[in-house]
Amino acid sequence: KGLHLDIVSPEKEIFTGEVDSVTLPGTLGSFTNMHPLIVVEAGTLAYVTKDGEERALDIHGGFVEMNSNRVSVCID
């Protein structure tokens, strides 16, 4: 089963769909393995869609929740 990613901001839904990978900025640098709930720092949120498209967003911070094969990111 794939990895489902949801990215939302207070204003709108930015992305929802299946991805191959997600990289988020953390206090100790970028990370790809996540604990269930993590605060993310300002930096670049990057992900690769199932069709191989690499995307990146500059963010000011937020938090991430990981549940099974679902990653939910709420960004500032």
PDB file of N, CA and C in Angstrom:
ATOM      1  N   LYS A   1       0.839  -1.178   0.000  1.00  0.00           N
ATOM      2  CA  LYS A   1       0.000   0.000   0.000  1.00  0.00           C
ATOM      3  C   LYS A   1       0.882   1.239   0.000  1.00  0.00           C
ATOM      4  N   GLY A   2       0.451   2.278  -0.711  1.00  0.00           N
ATOM      5  CA  GLY A   2       1.232   3.488  -0.842  1.00  0.00           C
ATOM      6  C   GLY A   2       1.129   4.403   0.357  1.00  0.00           C
ATOM      7  N   LEU A   3       1.816   5.512   0.256  1.00  0.00           N
ATOM      8  CA  LEU A   3       1.832   6.541   1.289  1.00  0.00           C
ATOM      9  C   LEU A   3       0.916   7.673   0.839  1.00  0.00           C
ATOM     10  N   HIS A   4      -0.074   8.008   1.657  1.00  0.00           N
ATOM     11  CA  HIS A   4      -0.998   9.091   1.326  1.00  0.00           C
ATOM     12  C   HIS A   4      -0.559  10.363   2.046  1.00  0.00           C
ATOM     13  N   LEU A   5      -0.500  11.475   1.315  1.00  0.00           N
ATOM     14  CA  LEU A   5      -0.077  12.763   1.864  1.00  0.00           C
ATOM     15  C   LEU A   5      -1.193  13.780   1.733  1.00  0.00           C
ATOM     16  N   ASP A   6      -1.473  14.476   2.836  1.00  0.00           N
ATOM     17  CA  ASP A   6      -2.378  15.622   2.838  1.00  0.00           C
ATOM     18  C   ASP A   6      -1.596  16.822   3.336  1.00  0.00           C
ATOM     19  N   ILE A   7      -1.616  17.917   2.572  1.00  0.00           N
ATOM     20  CA  ILE A   7      -0.975  19.168   2.993  1.00  0.00           C
ATOM     21  C   ILE A   7      -2.055  20.243   3.007  1.00  0.00           C
ATOM     22  N   VAL A   8      -2.241  20.866   4.175  1.00  0.00           N
ATOM     23  CA  VAL A   8      -3.236  21.928   4.300  1.00  0.00           C
ATOM     24  C   VAL A   8      -2.618  23.140   4.986  1.00  0.00           C
ATOM     25  N   SER A   9      -3.177  24.295   4.696  1.00  0.00           N
ATOM     26  CA  SER A   9      -2.834  25.533   5.393  1.00  0.00           C
ATOM     27  C   SER A   9      -4.144  26.074   5.962  1.00  0.00           C
ATOM     28  N   PRO A  10      -4.098  27.118   6.767  1.00  0.00           N
ATOM     29  CA  PRO A  10      -5.359  27.692   7.268  1.00  0.00           C
ATOM     30  C   PRO A  10      -6.273  28.180   6.138  1.00  0.00           C
ATOM     31  N   GLU A  11      -5.704  28.533   4.996  1.00  0.00           N
ATOM     32  CA  GLU A  11      -6.482  29.075   3.892  1.00  0.00           C
ATOM     33  C   GLU A  11      -7.056  28.030   2.950  1.00  0.00           C
ATOM     34  N   LYS A  12      -6.313  26.897   2.738  1.00  0.00           N
ATOM     35  CA  LYS A  12      -6.756  25.969   1.691  1.00  0.00           C
ATOM     36  C   LYS A  12      -6.061  24.613   1.803  1.00  0.00           C
ATOM     37  N   GLU A  13      -6.600  23.669   1.045  1.00  0.00           N
ATOM     38  CA  GLU A  13      -5.935  22.378   0.864  1.00  0.00           C
ATOM     39  C   GLU A  13      -4.918  22.559  -0.257  1.00  0.00           C
ATOM     40  N   ILE A  14      -3.673  22.181  -0.004  1.00  0.00           N
ATOM     41  CA  ILE A  14      -2.611  22.386  -0.976  1.00  0.00           C
ATOM     42  C   ILE A  14      -2.381  21.150  -1.822  1.00  0.00           C
ATOM     43  N   PHE A  15      -2.387  19.980  -1.194  1.00  0.00           N
ATOM     44  CA  PHE A  15      -2.167  18.726  -1.927  1.00  0.00           C
ATOM     45  C   PHE A  15      -2.810  17.590  -1.162  1.00  0.00           C
ATOM     46  N   THR A  16      -3.386  16.659  -1.895  1.00  0.00           N
ATOM     47  CA  THR A  16      -3.819  15.394  -1.324  1.00  0.00           C
ATOM     48  C   THR A  16      -3.621  14.326  -2.386  1.00  0.00           C
ATOM     49  N   GLY A  17      -2.958  13.231  -2.006  1.00  0.00           N
ATOM     50  CA  GLY A  17      -2.721  12.166  -2.967  1.00  0.00           C
ATOM     51  C   GLY A  17      -1.655  11.199  -2.505  1.00  0.00           C
ATOM     52  N   GLU A  18      -1.429  10.190  -3.327  1.00  0.00           N
ATOM     53  CA  GLU A  18      -0.418   9.180  -3.043  1.00  0.00           C
ATOM     54  C   GLU A  18       0.959   9.701  -3.461  1.00  0.00           C
ATOM     55  N   VAL A  19       1.957   9.427  -2.623  1.00  0.00           N
ATOM     56  CA  VAL A  19       3.323   9.864  -2.900  1.00  0.00           C
ATOM     57  C   VAL A  19       4.291   8.712  -2.643  1.00  0.00           C
ATOM     58  N   ASP A  20       5.493   8.842  -3.202  1.00  0.00           N
ATOM     59  CA  ASP A  20       6.555   7.875  -2.945  1.00  0.00           C
ATOM     60  C   ASP A  20       7.350   8.243  -1.704  1.00  0.00           C
ATOM     61  N   SER A  21       7.505   9.558  -1.450  1.00  0.00           N
ATOM     62  CA  SER A  21       8.280   9.992  -0.290  1.00  0.00           C
ATOM     63  C   SER A  21       7.910  11.409   0.114  1.00  0.00           C
ATOM     64  N   VAL A  22       8.214  11.726   1.379  1.00  0.00           N
ATOM     65  CA  VAL A  22       7.984  13.062   1.933  1.00  0.00           C
ATOM     66  C   VAL A  22       9.207  13.409   2.770  1.00  0.00           C
ATOM     67  N   THR A  23       9.726  14.623   2.611  1.00  0.00           N
ATOM     68  CA  THR A  23      10.837  15.112   3.422  1.00  0.00           C
ATOM     69  C   THR A  23      10.417  16.441   4.033  1.00  0.00           C
ATOM     70  N   LEU A  24      10.586  16.537   5.357  1.00  0.00           N
ATOM     71  CA  LEU A  24      10.145  17.721   6.097  1.00  0.00           C
ATOM     72  C   LEU A  24      11.300  18.330   6.876  1.00  0.00           C
ATOM     73  N   PRO A  25      11.290  19.670   7.047  1.00  0.00           N
ATOM     74  CA  PRO A  25      12.348  20.306   7.827  1.00  0.00           C
ATOM     75  C   PRO A  25      12.119  20.114   9.326  1.00  0.00           C
ATOM     76  N   GLY A  26      13.147  19.674  10.035  1.00  0.00           N
ATOM     77  CA  GLY A  26      13.053  19.478  11.483  1.00  0.00           C
ATOM     78  C   GLY A  26      14.136  20.256  12.211  1.00  0.00           C
ATOM     79  N   THR A  27      14.081  20.229  13.520  1.00  0.00           N
ATOM     80  CA  THR A  27      15.037  20.988  14.321  1.00  0.00           C
ATOM     81  C   THR A  27      16.462  20.458  14.170  1.00  0.00           C
ATOM     82  N   LEU A  28      16.614  19.199  13.819  1.00  0.00           N
ATOM     83  CA  LEU A  28      17.941  18.607  13.625  1.00  0.00           C
ATOM     84  C   LEU A  28      18.247  18.403  12.151  1.00  0.00           C
ATOM     85  N   GLY A  29      17.583  19.148  11.270  1.00  0.00           N
ATOM     86  CA  GLY A  29      17.755  18.982   9.835  1.00  0.00           C
ATOM     87  C   GLY A  29      16.528  18.298   9.249  1.00  0.00           C
ATOM     88  N   SER A  30      16.572  17.978   7.972  1.00  0.00           N
ATOM     89  CA  SER A  30      15.454  17.330   7.312  1.00  0.00           C
ATOM     90  C   SER A  30      15.350  15.878   7.745  1.00  0.00           C
ATOM     91  N   PHE A  31      14.148  15.346   7.720  1.00  0.00           N
ATOM     92  CA  PHE A  31      13.957  13.954   8.102  1.00  0.00           C
ATOM     93  C   PHE A  31      12.868  13.326   7.244  1.00  0.00           C
ATOM     94  N   THR A  32      12.945  12.012   7.091  1.00  0.00           N
ATOM     95  CA  THR A  32      11.931  11.295   6.340  1.00  0.00           C
ATOM     96  C   THR A  32      11.211  10.268   7.206  1.00  0.00           C
ATOM     97  N   ASN A  33      11.820   9.783   8.283  1.00  0.00           N
ATOM     98  CA  ASN A  33      11.158   8.854   9.194  1.00  0.00           C
ATOM     99  C   ASN A  33      10.542   9.661  10.313  1.00  0.00           C
ATOM    100  N   MET A  34       9.249   9.472  10.553  1.00  0.00           N
ATOM    101  CA  MET A  34       8.549  10.359  11.468  1.00  0.00           C
ATOM    102  C   MET A  34       7.947   9.631  12.651  1.00  0.00           C
ATOM    103  N   HIS A  35       7.868  10.320  13.763  1.00  0.00           N
ATOM    104  CA  HIS A  35       7.129   9.878  14.937  1.00  0.00           C
ATOM    105  C   HIS A  35       5.667  10.239  14.700  1.00  0.00           C
ATOM    106  N   PRO A  36       4.738   9.787  15.553  1.00  0.00           N
ATOM    107  CA  PRO A  36       3.319  10.059  15.287  1.00  0.00           C
ATOM    108  C   PRO A  36       2.948  11.538  15.156  1.00  0.00           C
ATOM    109  N   LEU A  37       3.517  12.444  15.966  1.00  0.00           N
ATOM    110  CA  LEU A  37       3.185  13.866  15.869  1.00  0.00           C
ATOM    111  C   LEU A  37       4.457  14.668  16.047  1.00  0.00           C
ATOM    112  N   ILE A  38       4.755  15.517  15.078  1.00  0.00           N
ATOM    113  CA  ILE A  38       6.017  16.250  15.064  1.00  0.00           C
ATOM    114  C   ILE A  38       5.769  17.702  14.677  1.00  0.00           C
ATOM    115  N   VAL A  39       6.469  18.606  15.335  1.00  0.00           N
ATOM    116  CA  VAL A  39       6.469  20.014  14.957  1.00  0.00           C
ATOM    117  C   VAL A  39       7.575  20.193  13.923  1.00  0.00           C
ATOM    118  N   VAL A  40       7.253  20.866  12.827  1.00  0.00           N
ATOM    119  CA  VAL A  40       8.254  21.107  11.792  1.00  0.00           C
ATOM    120  C   VAL A  40       8.682  22.566  11.820  1.00  0.00           C
ATOM    121  N   GLU A  41       9.916  22.787  11.450  1.00  0.00           N
ATOM    122  CA  GLU A  41      10.525  24.114  11.417  1.00  0.00           C
ATOM    123  C   GLU A  41      10.291  24.771  10.061  1.00  0.00           C
ATOM    124  N   ALA A  42      10.660  26.023   9.964  1.00  0.00           N
ATOM    125  CA  ALA A  42      10.669  26.707   8.668  1.00  0.00           C
ATOM    126  C   ALA A  42      11.701  26.032   7.784  1.00  0.00           C
ATOM    127  N   GLY A  43      11.392  25.913   6.523  1.00  0.00           N
ATOM    128  CA  GLY A  43      12.297  25.264   5.576  1.00  0.00           C
ATOM    129  C   GLY A  43      11.521  24.776   4.370  1.00  0.00           C
ATOM    130  N   THR A  44      12.010  23.694   3.768  1.00  0.00           N
ATOM    131  CA  THR A  44      11.400  23.174   2.558  1.00  0.00           C
ATOM    132  C   THR A  44      10.740  21.833   2.818  1.00  0.00           C
ATOM    133  N   LEU A  45       9.471  21.731   2.467  1.00  0.00           N
ATOM    134  CA  LEU A  45       8.736  20.476   2.477  1.00  0.00           C
ATOM    135  C   LEU A  45       8.807  19.945   1.049  1.00  0.00           C
ATOM    136  N   ALA A  46       9.363  18.763   0.878  1.00  0.00           N
ATOM    137  CA  ALA A  46       9.510  18.186  -0.457  1.00  0.00           C
ATOM    138  C   ALA A  46       8.829  16.828  -0.510  1.00  0.00           C
ATOM    139  N   TYR A  47       8.257  16.516  -1.671  1.00  0.00           N
ATOM    140  CA  TYR A  47       7.636  15.205  -1.846  1.00  0.00           C
ATOM    141  C   TYR A  47       7.706  14.798  -3.314  1.00  0.00           C
ATOM    142  N   VAL A  48       7.629  13.489  -3.521  1.00  0.00           N
ATOM    143  CA  VAL A  48       7.669  12.919  -4.860  1.00  0.00           C
ATOM    144  C   VAL A  48       6.339  12.214  -5.094  1.00  0.00           C
ATOM    145  N   THR A  49       5.605  12.646  -6.117  1.00  0.00           N
ATOM    146  CA  THR A  49       4.318  12.034  -6.418  1.00  0.00           C
ATOM    147  C   THR A  49       4.526  10.654  -7.038  1.00  0.00           C
ATOM    148  N   LYS A  50       3.468   9.879  -7.102  1.00  0.00           N
ATOM    149  CA  LYS A  50       3.539   8.526  -7.661  1.00  0.00           C
ATOM    150  C   LYS A  50       3.979   8.522  -9.119  1.00  0.00           C
ATOM    151  N   ASP A  51       3.753   9.618  -9.847  1.00  0.00           N
ATOM    152  CA  ASP A  51       4.203   9.674 -11.244  1.00  0.00           C
ATOM    153  C   ASP A  51       5.628  10.200 -11.379  1.00  0.00           C
ATOM    154  N   GLY A  52       6.326  10.339 -10.238  1.00  0.00           N
ATOM    155  CA  GLY A  52       7.736  10.736 -10.259  1.00  0.00           C
ATOM    156  C   GLY A  52       7.992  12.222 -10.243  1.00  0.00           C
ATOM    157  N   GLU A  53       6.952  13.030 -10.145  1.00  0.00           N
ATOM    158  CA  GLU A  53       7.124  14.482 -10.120  1.00  0.00           C
ATOM    159  C   GLU A  53       7.623  14.932  -8.746  1.00  0.00           C
ATOM    160  N   GLU A  54       8.736  15.660  -8.732  1.00  0.00           N
ATOM    161  CA  GLU A  54       9.274  16.195  -7.486  1.00  0.00           C
ATOM    162  C   GLU A  54       8.681  17.580  -7.255  1.00  0.00           C
ATOM    163  N   ARG A  55       8.135  17.792  -6.057  1.00  0.00           N
ATOM    164  CA  ARG A  55       7.548  19.086  -5.705  1.00  0.00           C
ATOM    165  C   ARG A  55       8.156  19.575  -4.401  1.00  0.00           C
ATOM    166  N   ALA A  56       8.201  20.891  -4.234  1.00  0.00           N
ATOM    167  CA  ALA A  56       8.754  21.478  -3.015  1.00  0.00           C
ATOM    168  C   ALA A  56       7.988  22.742  -2.653  1.00  0.00           C
ATOM    169  N   LEU A  57       7.810  22.936  -1.343  1.00  0.00           N
ATOM    170  CA  LEU A  57       7.143  24.126  -0.813  1.00  0.00           C
ATOM    171  C   LEU A  57       8.008  24.722   0.281  1.00  0.00           C
ATOM    172  N   ASP A  58       8.206  26.031   0.255  1.00  0.00           N
ATOM    173  CA  ASP A  58       8.859  26.697   1.376  1.00  0.00           C
ATOM    174  C   ASP A  58       7.785  26.949   2.431  1.00  0.00           C
ATOM    175  N   ILE A  59       8.051  26.512   3.659  1.00  0.00           N
ATOM    176  CA  ILE A  59       7.060  26.666   4.722  1.00  0.00           C
ATOM    177  C   ILE A  59       7.667  27.439   5.893  1.00  0.00           C
ATOM    178  N   HIS A  60       6.798  28.002   6.718  1.00  0.00           N
ATOM    179  CA  HIS A  60       7.232  28.770   7.887  1.00  0.00           C
ATOM    180  C   HIS A  60       7.145  27.954   9.165  1.00  0.00           C
ATOM    181  N   GLY A  61       6.702  26.711   9.050  1.00  0.00           N
ATOM    182  CA  GLY A  61       6.548  25.823  10.192  1.00  0.00           C
ATOM    183  C   GLY A  61       5.189  25.166  10.160  1.00  0.00           C
ATOM    184  N   GLY A  62       4.914  24.357  11.161  1.00  0.00           N
ATOM    185  CA  GLY A  62       3.638  23.667  11.241  1.00  0.00           C
ATOM    186  C   GLY A  62       3.787  22.389  12.039  1.00  0.00           C
ATOM    187  N   PHE A  63       2.910  21.429  11.770  1.00  0.00           N
ATOM    188  CA  PHE A  63       3.031  20.148  12.434  1.00  0.00           C
ATOM    189  C   PHE A  63       2.599  19.028  11.499  1.00  0.00           C
ATOM    190  N   VAL A  64       3.048  17.820  11.838  1.00  0.00           N
ATOM    191  CA  VAL A  64       2.806  16.636  11.020  1.00  0.00           C
ATOM    192  C   VAL A  64       2.249  15.542  11.908  1.00  0.00           C
ATOM    193  N   GLU A  65       1.256  14.834  11.404  1.00  0.00           N
ATOM    194  CA  GLU A  65       0.749  13.646  12.083  1.00  0.00           C
ATOM    195  C   GLU A  65       0.904  12.466  11.140  1.00  0.00           C
ATOM    196  N   MET A  66       1.510  11.391  11.646  1.00  0.00           N
ATOM    197  CA  MET A  66       1.708  10.173  10.861  1.00  0.00           C
ATOM    198  C   MET A  66       0.838   9.089  11.474  1.00  0.00           C
ATOM    199  N   ASN A  67      -0.006   8.477  10.644  1.00  0.00           N
ATOM    200  CA  ASN A  67      -0.886   7.426  11.111  1.00  0.00           C
ATOM    201  C   ASN A  67      -0.916   6.345  10.042  1.00  0.00           C
ATOM    202  N   SER A  68      -0.296   5.205  10.329  1.00  0.00           N
ATOM    203  CA  SER A  68      -0.218   4.096   9.381  1.00  0.00           C
ATOM    204  C   SER A  68       0.475   4.591   8.110  1.00  0.00           C
ATOM    205  N   ASN A  69      -0.204   4.571   6.975  1.00  0.00           N
ATOM    206  CA  ASN A  69       0.399   5.013   5.717  1.00  0.00           C
ATOM    207  C   ASN A  69      -0.127   6.389   5.297  1.00  0.00           C
ATOM    208  N   ARG A  70      -0.531   7.200   6.267  1.00  0.00           N
ATOM    209  CA  ARG A  70      -1.077   8.528   5.984  1.00  0.00           C
ATOM    210  C   ARG A  70      -0.251   9.582   6.704  1.00  0.00           C
ATOM    211  N   VAL A  71       0.171  10.605   5.966  1.00  0.00           N
ATOM    212  CA  VAL A  71       0.906  11.731   6.533  1.00  0.00           C
ATOM    213  C   VAL A  71       0.047  12.974   6.343  1.00  0.00           C
ATOM    214  N   SER A  72      -0.298  13.643   7.441  1.00  0.00           N
ATOM    215  CA  SER A  72      -1.080  14.873   7.378  1.00  0.00           C
ATOM    216  C   SER A  72      -0.212  16.019   7.857  1.00  0.00           C
ATOM    217  N   VAL A  73      -0.062  17.035   7.013  1.00  0.00           N
ATOM    218  CA  VAL A  73       0.789  18.181   7.314  1.00  0.00           C
ATOM    219  C   VAL A  73      -0.067  19.436   7.336  1.00  0.00           C
ATOM    220  N   CYS A  74      -0.012  20.170   8.442  1.00  0.00           N
ATOM    221  CA  CYS A  74      -0.670  21.464   8.557  1.00  0.00           C
ATOM    222  C   CYS A  74       0.437  22.507   8.628  1.00  0.00           C
ATOM    223  N   ILE A  75       0.493  23.385   7.627  1.00  0.00           N
ATOM    224  CA  ILE A  75       1.586  24.352   7.547  1.00  0.00           C
ATOM    225  C   ILE A  75       1.076  25.770   7.789  1.00  0.00           C
ATOM    226  N   ASP A  76       1.999  26.626   8.217  1.00  0.00           N
ATOM    227  CA  ASP A  76       1.706  28.046   8.403  1.00  0.00           C
ATOM    228  C   ASP A  76       1.783  28.756   7.072  1.00  0.00           C
TER     229      ASP A  76
END
